[in-house]
């Protein structure tokens, strides 16, 4: 992990900055990019797919006043997110860091 809640208190500001800095559009674009996804393991490919799917659902819920979702679907989405995070944490640190670089920084032409 680059920064996180378990680091020393002097770095908590860095964790807060990173936590709120993720541009979901940049992350989604990277997760949709087949060239990026195929350069990682099948587990990260699945993680990227889940990220895109769950982000689309969150956007619908946030911005579509007519959006409705039942409790069963909510539970399934939570389970999907929890599984994705759990699988991500099991990956080698080097792969996680490389993937994070792709989703944190937008691709320039």
PDB file of N, CA and C in Angstrom:
ATOM      1  N   UNK A   1       0.849  -1.172   0.000  1.00  0.00           N
ATOM      2  CA  UNK A   1       0.000   0.000   0.000  1.00  0.00           C
ATOM      3  C   UNK A   1       0.893   1.233   0.000  1.00  0.00           C
ATOM      4  N   UNK A   2       0.512   2.203  -0.801  1.00  0.00           N
ATOM      5  CA  UNK A   2       1.297   3.440  -0.872  1.00  0.00           C
ATOM      6  C   UNK A   2       1.133   4.238   0.414  1.00  0.00           C
ATOM      7  N   UNK A   3      -0.096   4.487   0.784  1.00  0.00           N
ATOM      8  CA  UNK A   3      -0.431   5.150   2.044  1.00  0.00           C
ATOM      9  C   UNK A   3      -1.721   4.516   2.540  1.00  0.00           C
ATOM     10  N   UNK A   4      -1.943   4.607   3.809  1.00  0.00           N
ATOM     11  CA  UNK A   4      -3.167   4.025   4.331  1.00  0.00           C
ATOM     12  C   UNK A   4      -3.344   4.323   5.797  1.00  0.00           C
ATOM     13  N   UNK A   5      -4.455   3.882   6.348  1.00  0.00           N
ATOM     14  CA  UNK A   5      -4.763   4.226   7.732  1.00  0.00           C
ATOM     15  C   UNK A   5      -3.795   3.630   8.742  1.00  0.00           C
ATOM     16  N   UNK A   6      -3.023   2.606   8.362  1.00  0.00           N
ATOM     17  CA  UNK A   6      -2.122   1.981   9.317  1.00  0.00           C
ATOM     18  C   UNK A   6      -0.765   2.688   9.405  1.00  0.00           C
ATOM     19  N   UNK A   7      -0.532   3.725   8.576  1.00  0.00           N
ATOM     20  CA  UNK A   7       0.744   4.426   8.606  1.00  0.00           C
ATOM     21  C   UNK A   7       0.800   5.393   9.779  1.00  0.00           C
ATOM     22  N   UNK A   8       1.974   5.939  10.011  1.00  0.00           N
ATOM     23  CA  UNK A   8       2.171   6.849  11.140  1.00  0.00           C
ATOM     24  C   UNK A   8       1.246   8.058  11.046  1.00  0.00           C
ATOM     25  N   UNK A   9       0.936   8.646  12.179  1.00  0.00           N
ATOM     26  CA  UNK A   9      -0.022   9.747  12.219  1.00  0.00           C
ATOM     27  C   UNK A   9       0.427  10.955  11.386  1.00  0.00           C
ATOM     28  N   UNK A  10       1.720  11.157  11.226  1.00  0.00           N
ATOM     29  CA  UNK A  10       2.195  12.278  10.420  1.00  0.00           C
ATOM     30  C   UNK A  10       1.772  12.134   8.967  1.00  0.00           C
ATOM     31  N   UNK A  11       1.483  10.913   8.526  1.00  0.00           N
ATOM     32  CA  UNK A  11       1.101  10.676   7.141  1.00  0.00           C
ATOM     33  C   UNK A  11      -0.414  10.550   6.964  1.00  0.00           C
ATOM     34  N   UNK A  12      -1.186  10.763   8.005  1.00  0.00           N
ATOM     35  CA  UNK A  12      -2.634  10.660   7.877  1.00  0.00           C
ATOM     36  C   UNK A  12      -3.186  11.635   6.853  1.00  0.00           C
ATOM     37  N   UNK A  13      -2.560  12.788   6.711  1.00  0.00           N
ATOM     38  CA  UNK A  13      -3.012  13.763   5.708  1.00  0.00           C
ATOM     39  C   UNK A  13      -2.836  13.185   4.309  1.00  0.00           C
ATOM     40  N   UNK A  14      -1.758  12.422   4.100  1.00  0.00           N
ATOM     41  CA  UNK A  14      -1.543  11.788   2.797  1.00  0.00           C
ATOM     42  C   UNK A  14      -2.636  10.761   2.530  1.00  0.00           C
ATOM     43  N   UNK A  15      -3.011  10.008   3.529  1.00  0.00           N
ATOM     44  CA  UNK A  15      -4.086   9.010   3.366  1.00  0.00           C
ATOM     45  C   UNK A  15      -5.399   9.710   3.029  1.00  0.00           C
ATOM     46  N   UNK A  16      -5.719  10.781   3.727  1.00  0.00           N
ATOM     47  CA  UNK A  16      -6.953  11.527   3.464  1.00  0.00           C
ATOM     48  C   UNK A  16      -6.943  12.061   2.027  1.00  0.00           C
ATOM     49  N   UNK A  17      -5.804  12.570   1.600  1.00  0.00           N
ATOM     50  CA  UNK A  17      -5.682  13.104   0.243  1.00  0.00           C
ATOM     51  C   UNK A  17      -5.922  12.016  -0.801  1.00  0.00           C
ATOM     52  N   UNK A  18      -5.281  10.883  -0.646  1.00  0.00           N
ATOM     53  CA  UNK A  18      -5.434   9.786  -1.603  1.00  0.00           C
ATOM     54  C   UNK A  18      -6.855   9.233  -1.556  1.00  0.00           C
ATOM     55  N   UNK A  19      -7.402   9.106  -0.379  1.00  0.00           N
ATOM     56  CA  UNK A  19      -8.737   8.544  -0.211  1.00  0.00           C
ATOM     57  C   UNK A  19      -9.782   9.326  -0.997  1.00  0.00           C
ATOM     58  N   UNK A  20      -9.657  10.647  -1.003  1.00  0.00           N
ATOM     59  CA  UNK A  20     -10.638  11.495  -1.683  1.00  0.00           C
ATOM     60  C   UNK A  20     -10.227  11.883  -3.105  1.00  0.00           C
ATOM     61  N   UNK A  21      -9.012  11.572  -3.518  1.00  0.00           N
ATOM     62  CA  UNK A  21      -8.495  12.048  -4.795  1.00  0.00           C
ATOM     63  C   UNK A  21      -8.860  11.178  -5.985  1.00  0.00           C
ATOM     64  N   UNK A  22      -9.333   9.981  -5.771  1.00  0.00           N
ATOM     65  CA  UNK A  22      -9.618   9.093  -6.889  1.00  0.00           C
ATOM     66  C   UNK A  22     -10.653   9.724  -7.814  1.00  0.00           C
ATOM     67  N   UNK A  23     -10.281   9.877  -9.068  1.00  0.00           N
ATOM     68  CA  UNK A  23     -11.199  10.350 -10.095  1.00  0.00           C
ATOM     69  C   UNK A  23     -11.858   9.110 -10.684  1.00  0.00           C
ATOM     70  N   UNK A  24     -13.108   8.912 -10.370  1.00  0.00           N
ATOM     71  CA  UNK A  24     -13.789   7.688 -10.792  1.00  0.00           C
ATOM     72  C   UNK A  24     -13.867   7.554 -12.307  1.00  0.00           C
ATOM     73  N   UNK A  25     -13.915   8.663 -13.019  1.00  0.00           N
ATOM     74  CA  UNK A  25     -13.922   8.598 -14.476  1.00  0.00           C
ATOM     75  C   UNK A  25     -12.606   8.046 -15.012  1.00  0.00           C
ATOM     76  N   UNK A  26     -11.495   8.542 -14.471  1.00  0.00           N
ATOM     77  CA  UNK A  26     -10.174   8.047 -14.866  1.00  0.00           C
ATOM     78  C   UNK A  26     -10.038   6.571 -14.508  1.00  0.00           C
ATOM     79  N   UNK A  27     -10.467   6.214 -13.311  1.00  0.00           N
ATOM     80  CA  UNK A  27     -10.395   4.816 -12.880  1.00  0.00           C
ATOM     81  C   UNK A  27     -11.262   3.932 -13.772  1.00  0.00           C
ATOM     82  N   UNK A  28     -12.473   4.385 -14.070  1.00  0.00           N
ATOM     83  CA  UNK A  28     -13.367   3.597 -14.925  1.00  0.00           C
ATOM     84  C   UNK A  28     -12.769   3.405 -16.315  1.00  0.00           C
ATOM     85  N   UNK A  29     -12.227   4.493 -16.886  1.00  0.00           N
ATOM     86  CA  UNK A  29     -11.622   4.387 -18.211  1.00  0.00           C
ATOM     87  C   UNK A  29     -10.483   3.371 -18.220  1.00  0.00           C
ATOM     88  N   UNK A  30      -9.656   3.387 -17.193  1.00  0.00           N
ATOM     89  CA  UNK A  30      -8.564   2.416 -17.107  1.00  0.00           C
ATOM     90  C   UNK A  30      -9.116   1.000 -16.951  1.00  0.00           C
ATOM     91  N   UNK A  31     -10.166   0.860 -16.147  1.00  0.00           N
ATOM     92  CA  UNK A  31     -10.754  -0.467 -15.928  1.00  0.00           C
ATOM     93  C   UNK A  31     -11.466  -0.989 -17.175  1.00  0.00           C
ATOM     94  N   UNK A  32     -11.893  -0.101 -18.050  1.00  0.00           N
ATOM     95  CA  UNK A  32     -12.545  -0.515 -19.293  1.00  0.00           C
ATOM     96  C   UNK A  32     -11.544  -0.793 -20.414  1.00  0.00           C
ATOM     97  N   UNK A  33     -10.308  -0.366 -20.243  1.00  0.00           N
ATOM     98  CA  UNK A  33      -9.282  -0.498 -21.279  1.00  0.00           C
ATOM     99  C   UNK A  33      -8.769  -1.937 -21.327  1.00  0.00           C
ATOM    100  N   UNK A  34      -9.121  -2.649 -22.386  1.00  0.00           N
ATOM    101  CA  UNK A  34      -8.722  -4.065 -22.511  1.00  0.00           C
ATOM    102  C   UNK A  34      -7.203  -4.225 -22.542  1.00  0.00           C
ATOM    103  N   UNK A  35      -6.480  -3.259 -23.105  1.00  0.00           N
ATOM    104  CA  UNK A  35      -5.019  -3.355 -23.136  1.00  0.00           C
ATOM    105  C   UNK A  35      -4.438  -3.356 -21.730  1.00  0.00           C
ATOM    106  N   UNK A  36      -5.015  -2.548 -20.862  1.00  0.00           N
ATOM    107  CA  UNK A  36      -4.556  -2.512 -19.471  1.00  0.00           C
ATOM    108  C   UNK A  36      -4.987  -3.782 -18.756  1.00  0.00           C
ATOM    109  N   UNK A  37      -6.257  -4.134 -18.900  1.00  0.00           N
ATOM    110  CA  UNK A  37      -6.789  -5.287 -18.163  1.00  0.00           C
ATOM    111  C   UNK A  37      -6.079  -6.584 -18.508  1.00  0.00           C
ATOM    112  N   UNK A  38      -5.739  -6.785 -19.757  1.00  0.00           N
ATOM    113  CA  UNK A  38      -5.110  -8.050 -20.144  1.00  0.00           C
ATOM    114  C   UNK A  38      -3.635  -8.110 -19.746  1.00  0.00           C
ATOM    115  N   UNK A  39      -3.077  -6.994 -19.313  1.00  0.00           N
ATOM    116  CA  UNK A  39      -1.686  -7.022 -18.864  1.00  0.00           C
ATOM    117  C   UNK A  39      -1.567  -7.456 -17.400  1.00  0.00           C
ATOM    118  N   UNK A  40      -2.706  -7.677 -16.761  1.00  0.00           N
ATOM    119  CA  UNK A  40      -2.722  -8.124 -15.368  1.00  0.00           C
ATOM    120  C   UNK A  40      -3.343  -9.518 -15.268  1.00  0.00           C
ATOM    121  N   UNK A  41      -3.357 -10.049 -14.059  1.00  0.00           N
ATOM    122  CA  UNK A  41      -3.915 -11.374 -13.825  1.00  0.00           C
ATOM    123  C   UNK A  41      -5.426 -11.388 -14.045  1.00  0.00           C
ATOM    124  N   UNK A  42      -5.970 -12.587 -14.165  1.00  0.00           N
ATOM    125  CA  UNK A  42      -7.421 -12.730 -14.341  1.00  0.00           C
ATOM    126  C   UNK A  42      -8.173 -12.172 -13.140  1.00  0.00           C
ATOM    127  N   UNK A  43      -7.558 -12.178 -11.967  1.00  0.00           N
ATOM    128  CA  UNK A  43      -8.214 -11.658 -10.768  1.00  0.00           C
ATOM    129  C   UNK A  43      -8.376 -10.137 -10.859  1.00  0.00           C
ATOM    130  N   UNK A  44      -7.343  -9.466 -11.369  1.00  0.00           N
ATOM    131  CA  UNK A  44      -7.466  -8.018 -11.535  1.00  0.00           C
ATOM    132  C   UNK A  44      -8.392  -7.676 -12.682  1.00  0.00           C
ATOM    133  N   UNK A  45      -8.431  -8.515 -13.694  1.00  0.00           N
ATOM    134  CA  UNK A  45      -9.380  -8.304 -14.789  1.00  0.00           C
ATOM    135  C   UNK A  45     -10.808  -8.359 -14.245  1.00  0.00           C
ATOM    136  N   UNK A  46     -11.081  -9.325 -13.385  1.00  0.00           N
ATOM    137  CA  UNK A  46     -12.404  -9.453 -12.767  1.00  0.00           C
ATOM    138  C   UNK A  46     -12.676  -8.257 -11.849  1.00  0.00           C
ATOM    139  N   UNK A  47     -11.662  -7.831 -11.095  1.00  0.00           N
ATOM    140  CA  UNK A  47     -11.801  -6.669 -10.223  1.00  0.00           C
ATOM    141  C   UNK A  47     -12.193  -5.437 -11.038  1.00  0.00           C
ATOM    142  N   UNK A  48     -11.508  -5.234 -12.167  1.00  0.00           N
ATOM    143  CA  UNK A  48     -11.792  -4.085 -13.033  1.00  0.00           C
ATOM    144  C   UNK A  48     -13.216  -4.156 -13.566  1.00  0.00           C
ATOM    145  N   UNK A  49     -13.640  -5.327 -13.964  1.00  0.00           N
ATOM    146  CA  UNK A  49     -15.005  -5.512 -14.466  1.00  0.00           C
ATOM    147  C   UNK A  49     -16.029  -5.196 -13.376  1.00  0.00           C
ATOM    148  N   UNK A  50     -15.787  -5.691 -12.180  1.00  0.00           N
ATOM    149  CA  UNK A  50     -16.688  -5.416 -11.049  1.00  0.00           C
ATOM    150  C   UNK A  50     -16.716  -3.929 -10.726  1.00  0.00           C
ATOM    151  N   UNK A  51     -15.559  -3.269 -10.773  1.00  0.00           N
ATOM    152  CA  UNK A  51     -15.488  -1.834 -10.495  1.00  0.00           C
ATOM    153  C   UNK A  51     -16.387  -1.070 -11.452  1.00  0.00           C
ATOM    154  N   UNK A  52     -16.272  -1.363 -12.737  1.00  0.00           N
ATOM    155  CA  UNK A  52     -17.071  -0.665 -13.753  1.00  0.00           C
ATOM    156  C   UNK A  52     -18.555  -0.913 -13.523  1.00  0.00           C
ATOM    157  N   UNK A  53     -18.912  -2.164 -13.306  1.00  0.00           N
ATOM    158  CA  UNK A  53     -20.318  -2.522 -13.109  1.00  0.00           C
ATOM    159  C   UNK A  53     -20.906  -1.837 -11.871  1.00  0.00           C
ATOM    160  N   UNK A  54     -20.179  -1.900 -10.762  1.00  0.00           N
ATOM    161  CA  UNK A  54     -20.684  -1.302  -9.531  1.00  0.00           C
ATOM    162  C   UNK A  54     -20.714   0.219  -9.608  1.00  0.00           C
ATOM    163  N   UNK A  55     -19.753   0.818 -10.303  1.00  0.00           N
ATOM    164  CA  UNK A  55     -19.758   2.269 -10.445  1.00  0.00           C
ATOM    165  C   UNK A  55     -20.957   2.734 -11.263  1.00  0.00           C
ATOM    166  N   UNK A  56     -21.279   1.999 -12.317  1.00  0.00           N
ATOM    167  CA  UNK A  56     -22.452   2.350 -13.120  1.00  0.00           C
ATOM    168  C   UNK A  56     -23.724   2.291 -12.273  1.00  0.00           C
ATOM    169  N   UNK A  57     -23.830   1.273 -11.438  1.00  0.00           N
ATOM    170  CA  UNK A  57     -25.000   1.149 -10.563  1.00  0.00           C
ATOM    171  C   UNK A  57     -25.050   2.283  -9.545  1.00  0.00           C
ATOM    172  N   UNK A  58     -23.885   2.651  -9.009  1.00  0.00           N
ATOM    173  CA  UNK A  58     -23.856   3.753  -8.043  1.00  0.00           C
ATOM    174  C   UNK A  58     -24.272   5.055  -8.707  1.00  0.00           C
ATOM    175  N   UNK A  59     -23.797   5.287  -9.932  1.00  0.00           N
ATOM    176  CA  UNK A  59     -24.189   6.501 -10.649  1.00  0.00           C
ATOM    177  C   UNK A  59     -25.684   6.531 -10.903  1.00  0.00           C
ATOM    178  N   UNK A  60     -26.254   5.397 -11.283  1.00  0.00           N
ATOM    179  CA  UNK A  60     -27.713   5.341 -11.473  1.00  0.00           C
ATOM    180  C   UNK A  60     -28.424   5.703 -10.187  1.00  0.00           C
ATOM    181  N   UNK A  61     -27.981   5.110  -9.088  1.00  0.00           N
ATOM    182  CA  UNK A  61     -28.626   5.345  -7.798  1.00  0.00           C
ATOM    183  C   UNK A  61     -28.497   6.811  -7.373  1.00  0.00           C
ATOM    184  N   UNK A  62     -27.361   7.419  -7.665  1.00  0.00           N
ATOM    185  CA  UNK A  62     -27.130   8.804  -7.249  1.00  0.00           C
ATOM    186  C   UNK A  62     -27.836   9.825  -8.134  1.00  0.00           C
ATOM    187  N   UNK A  63     -27.922   9.547  -9.436  1.00  0.00           N
ATOM    188  CA  UNK A  63     -28.338  10.592 -10.363  1.00  0.00           C
ATOM    189  C   UNK A  63     -29.648  10.344 -11.104  1.00  0.00           C
ATOM    190  N   UNK A  64     -30.215   9.171 -10.994  1.00  0.00           N
ATOM    191  CA  UNK A  64     -31.489   8.891 -11.648  1.00  0.00           C
ATOM    192  C   UNK A  64     -32.587   8.897 -10.583  1.00  0.00           C
ATOM    193  N   UNK A  65     -33.425   9.931 -10.559  1.00  0.00           N
ATOM    194  CA  UNK A  65     -34.433  10.017  -9.502  1.00  0.00           C
ATOM    195  C   UNK A  65     -35.463   8.884  -9.560  1.00  0.00           C
ATOM    196  N   UNK A  66     -35.537   8.177 -10.671  1.00  0.00           N
ATOM    197  CA  UNK A  66     -36.504   7.082 -10.799  1.00  0.00           C
ATOM    198  C   UNK A  66     -35.870   5.706 -10.583  1.00  0.00           C
ATOM    199  N   UNK A  67     -34.605   5.688 -10.261  1.00  0.00           N
ATOM    200  CA  UNK A  67     -33.910   4.421 -10.049  1.00  0.00           C
ATOM    201  C   UNK A  67     -34.451   3.732  -8.795  1.00  0.00           C
ATOM    202  N   UNK A  68     -34.716   2.458  -8.921  1.00  0.00           N
ATOM    203  CA  UNK A  68     -35.149   1.646  -7.781  1.00  0.00           C
ATOM    204  C   UNK A  68     -34.330   0.365  -7.766  1.00  0.00           C
ATOM    205  N   UNK A  69     -34.041  -0.103  -6.582  1.00  0.00           N
ATOM    206  CA  UNK A  69     -33.227  -1.305  -6.423  1.00  0.00           C
ATOM    207  C   UNK A  69     -33.745  -2.060  -5.200  1.00  0.00           C
ATOM    208  N   UNK A  70     -33.965  -3.342  -5.375  1.00  0.00           N
ATOM    209  CA  UNK A  70     -34.456  -4.147  -4.265  1.00  0.00           C
ATOM    210  C   UNK A  70     -33.342  -4.560  -3.318  1.00  0.00           C
ATOM    211  N   UNK A  71     -33.730  -4.987  -2.136  1.00  0.00           N
ATOM    212  CA  UNK A  71     -32.761  -5.380  -1.113  1.00  0.00           C
ATOM    213  C   UNK A  71     -31.882  -6.538  -1.578  1.00  0.00           C
ATOM    214  N   UNK A  72     -32.440  -7.473  -2.329  1.00  0.00           N
ATOM    215  CA  UNK A  72     -31.653  -8.616  -2.807  1.00  0.00           C
ATOM    216  C   UNK A  72     -30.510  -8.139  -3.701  1.00  0.00           C
ATOM    217  N   UNK A  73     -30.825  -7.204  -4.606  1.00  0.00           N
ATOM    218  CA  UNK A  73     -29.776  -6.676  -5.484  1.00  0.00           C
ATOM    219  C   UNK A  73     -28.740  -5.878  -4.694  1.00  0.00           C
ATOM    220  N   UNK A  74     -29.197  -5.122  -3.710  1.00  0.00           N
ATOM    221  CA  UNK A  74     -28.275  -4.376  -2.851  1.00  0.00           C
ATOM    222  C   UNK A  74     -27.324  -5.346  -2.155  1.00  0.00           C
ATOM    223  N   UNK A  75     -27.866  -6.406  -1.582  1.00  0.00           N
ATOM    224  CA  UNK A  75     -27.037  -7.412  -0.905  1.00  0.00           C
ATOM    225  C   UNK A  75     -26.035  -8.048  -1.870  1.00  0.00           C
ATOM    226  N   UNK A  76     -26.472  -8.330  -3.100  1.00  0.00           N
ATOM    227  CA  UNK A  76     -25.575  -8.914  -4.100  1.00  0.00           C
ATOM    228  C   UNK A  76     -24.456  -7.942  -4.467  1.00  0.00           C
ATOM    229  N   UNK A  77     -24.795  -6.675  -4.609  1.00  0.00           N
ATOM    230  CA  UNK A  77     -23.779  -5.675  -4.940  1.00  0.00           C
ATOM    231  C   UNK A  77     -22.763  -5.513  -3.814  1.00  0.00           C
ATOM    232  N   UNK A  78     -23.231  -5.526  -2.594  1.00  0.00           N
ATOM    233  CA  UNK A  78     -22.324  -5.434  -1.440  1.00  0.00           C
ATOM    234  C   UNK A  78     -21.412  -6.652  -1.405  1.00  0.00           C
ATOM    235  N   UNK A  79     -21.971  -7.828  -1.638  1.00  0.00           N
ATOM    236  CA  UNK A  79     -21.165  -9.053  -1.655  1.00  0.00           C
ATOM    237  C   UNK A  79     -20.130  -9.018  -2.776  1.00  0.00           C
ATOM    238  N   UNK A  80     -20.522  -8.501  -3.930  1.00  0.00           N
ATOM    239  CA  UNK A  80     -19.581  -8.381  -5.052  1.00  0.00           C
ATOM    240  C   UNK A  80     -18.428  -7.459  -4.679  1.00  0.00           C
ATOM    241  N   UNK A  81     -18.741  -6.315  -4.094  1.00  0.00           N
ATOM    242  CA  UNK A  81     -17.707  -5.361  -3.701  1.00  0.00           C
ATOM    243  C   UNK A  81     -16.789  -5.964  -2.635  1.00  0.00           C
ATOM    244  N   UNK A  82     -17.362  -6.626  -1.651  1.00  0.00           N
ATOM    245  CA  UNK A  82     -16.562  -7.230  -0.585  1.00  0.00           C
ATOM    246  C   UNK A  82     -15.637  -8.311  -1.136  1.00  0.00           C
ATOM    247  N   UNK A  83     -16.160  -9.145  -2.046  1.00  0.00           N
ATOM    248  CA  UNK A  83     -15.343 -10.202  -2.646  1.00  0.00           C
ATOM    249  C   UNK A  83     -14.221  -9.603  -3.473  1.00  0.00           C
ATOM    250  N   UNK A  84     -14.521  -8.561  -4.244  1.00  0.00           N
ATOM    251  CA  UNK A  84     -13.511  -7.918  -5.084  1.00  0.00           C
ATOM    252  C   UNK A  84     -12.384  -7.346  -4.226  1.00  0.00           C
ATOM    253  N   UNK A  85     -12.739  -6.688  -3.145  1.00  0.00           N
ATOM    254  CA  UNK A  85     -11.726  -6.116  -2.244  1.00  0.00           C
ATOM    255  C   UNK A  85     -10.901  -7.226  -1.609  1.00  0.00           C
ATOM    256  N   UNK A  86     -11.547  -8.280  -1.167  1.00  0.00           N
ATOM    257  CA  UNK A  86     -10.841  -9.408  -0.550  1.00  0.00           C
ATOM    258  C   UNK A  86      -9.858 -10.042  -1.529  1.00  0.00           C
ATOM    259  N   UNK A  87     -10.291 -10.257  -2.764  1.00  0.00           N
ATOM    260  CA  UNK A  87      -9.414 -10.846  -3.783  1.00  0.00           C
ATOM    261  C   UNK A  87      -8.269  -9.896  -4.134  1.00  0.00           C
ATOM    262  N   UNK A  88      -8.558  -8.612  -4.208  1.00  0.00           N
ATOM    263  CA  UNK A  88      -7.525  -7.623  -4.503  1.00  0.00           C
ATOM    264  C   UNK A  88      -6.430  -7.665  -3.442  1.00  0.00           C
ATOM    265  N   UNK A  89      -6.816  -7.744  -2.198  1.00  0.00           N
ATOM    266  CA  UNK A  89      -5.845  -7.753  -1.091  1.00  0.00           C
ATOM    267  C   UNK A  89      -4.951  -8.989  -1.112  1.00  0.00           C
ATOM    268  N   UNK A  90      -5.390 -10.057  -1.740  1.00  0.00           N
ATOM    269  CA  UNK A  90      -4.604 -11.288  -1.819  1.00  0.00           C
ATOM    270  C   UNK A  90      -3.541 -11.250  -2.918  1.00  0.00           C
ATOM    271  N   UNK A  91      -3.656 -10.301  -3.833  1.00  0.00           N
ATOM    272  CA  UNK A  91      -2.719 -10.224  -4.957  1.00  0.00           C
ATOM    273  C   UNK A  91      -1.348  -9.760  -4.488  1.00  0.00           C
ATOM    274  N   UNK A  92      -0.312 -10.109  -5.247  1.00  0.00           N
ATOM    275  CA  UNK A  92       1.031  -9.631  -4.883  1.00  0.00           C
ATOM    276  C   UNK A  92       1.068  -8.099  -4.868  1.00  0.00           C
ATOM    277  N   UNK A  93       1.819  -7.566  -3.921  1.00  0.00           N
ATOM    278  CA  UNK A  93       1.880  -6.119  -3.751  1.00  0.00           C
ATOM    279  C   UNK A  93       2.320  -5.411  -5.026  1.00  0.00           C
ATOM    280  N   UNK A  94       3.266  -5.965  -5.738  1.00  0.00           N
ATOM    281  CA  UNK A  94       3.760  -5.329  -6.962  1.00  0.00           C
ATOM    282  C   UNK A  94       2.643  -5.190  -7.994  1.00  0.00           C
ATOM    283  N   UNK A  95       1.794  -6.208  -8.126  1.00  0.00           N
ATOM    284  CA  UNK A  95       0.682  -6.141  -9.075  1.00  0.00           C
ATOM    285  C   UNK A  95      -0.359  -5.119  -8.633  1.00  0.00           C
ATOM    286  N   UNK A  96      -0.649  -5.089  -7.335  1.00  0.00           N
ATOM    287  CA  UNK A  96      -1.612  -4.107  -6.823  1.00  0.00           C
ATOM    288  C   UNK A  96      -1.121  -2.684  -7.069  1.00  0.00           C
ATOM    289  N   UNK A  97       0.140  -2.430  -6.798  1.00  0.00           N
ATOM    290  CA  UNK A  97       0.691  -1.080  -6.986  1.00  0.00           C
ATOM    291  C   UNK A  97       0.656  -0.670  -8.454  1.00  0.00           C
ATOM    292  N   UNK A  98       1.034  -1.585  -9.344  1.00  0.00           N
ATOM    293  CA  UNK A  98       1.025  -1.267 -10.777  1.00  0.00           C
ATOM    294  C   UNK A  98      -0.395  -0.952 -11.238  1.00  0.00           C
ATOM    295  N   UNK A  99      -1.357  -1.748 -10.799  1.00  0.00           N
ATOM    296  CA  UNK A  99      -2.751  -1.519 -11.169  1.00  0.00           C
ATOM    297  C   UNK A  99      -3.233  -0.168 -10.637  1.00  0.00           C
ATOM    298  N   UNK A 100      -2.872   0.150  -9.410  1.00  0.00           N
ATOM    299  CA  UNK A 100      -3.266   1.434  -8.818  1.00  0.00           C
ATOM    300  C   UNK A 100      -2.695   2.600  -9.619  1.00  0.00           C
ATOM    301  N   UNK A 101      -1.469   2.465 -10.106  1.00  0.00           N
ATOM    302  CA  UNK A 101      -0.885   3.531 -10.925  1.00  0.00           C
ATOM    303  C   UNK A 101      -1.735   3.747 -12.175  1.00  0.00           C
ATOM    304  N   UNK A 102      -2.215   2.673 -12.766  1.00  0.00           N
ATOM    305  CA  UNK A 102      -3.052   2.807 -13.966  1.00  0.00           C
ATOM    306  C   UNK A 102      -4.386   3.476 -13.672  1.00  0.00           C
ATOM    307  N   UNK A 103      -4.985   3.182 -12.541  1.00  0.00           N
ATOM    308  CA  UNK A 103      -6.296   3.763 -12.274  1.00  0.00           C
ATOM    309  C   UNK A 103      -6.241   5.127 -11.605  1.00  0.00           C
ATOM    310  N   UNK A 104      -5.114   5.467 -10.988  1.00  0.00           N
ATOM    311  CA  UNK A 104      -5.003   6.766 -10.337  1.00  0.00           C
ATOM    312  C   UNK A 104      -4.623   7.893 -11.291  1.00  0.00           C
ATOM    313  N   UNK A 105      -3.853   7.553 -12.316  1.00  0.00           N
ATOM    314  CA  UNK A 105      -3.320   8.585 -13.191  1.00  0.00           C
ATOM    315  C   UNK A 105      -3.901   8.414 -14.588  1.00  0.00           C
ATOM    316  N   UNK A 106      -4.445   9.488 -15.122  1.00  0.00           N
ATOM    317  CA  UNK A 106      -5.065   9.364 -16.440  1.00  0.00           C
ATOM    318  C   UNK A 106      -4.021   9.190 -17.525  1.00  0.00           C
ATOM    319  N   UNK A 107      -4.420   8.467 -18.536  1.00  0.00           N
ATOM    320  CA  UNK A 107      -3.544   8.181 -19.665  1.00  0.00           C
ATOM    321  C   UNK A 107      -3.456   9.419 -20.548  1.00  0.00           C
ATOM    322  N   UNK A 108      -2.259   9.767 -20.904  1.00  0.00           N
ATOM    323  CA  UNK A 108      -2.050  10.913 -21.788  1.00  0.00           C
ATOM    324  C   UNK A 108      -1.701  10.402 -23.178  1.00  0.00           C
ATOM    325  N   UNK A 109      -2.135  11.146 -24.208  1.00  0.00           N
ATOM    326  CA  UNK A 109      -1.841  10.713 -25.589  1.00  0.00           C
ATOM    327  C   UNK A 109      -0.348  10.734 -25.889  1.00  0.00           C
TER     328      UNK A 109
END
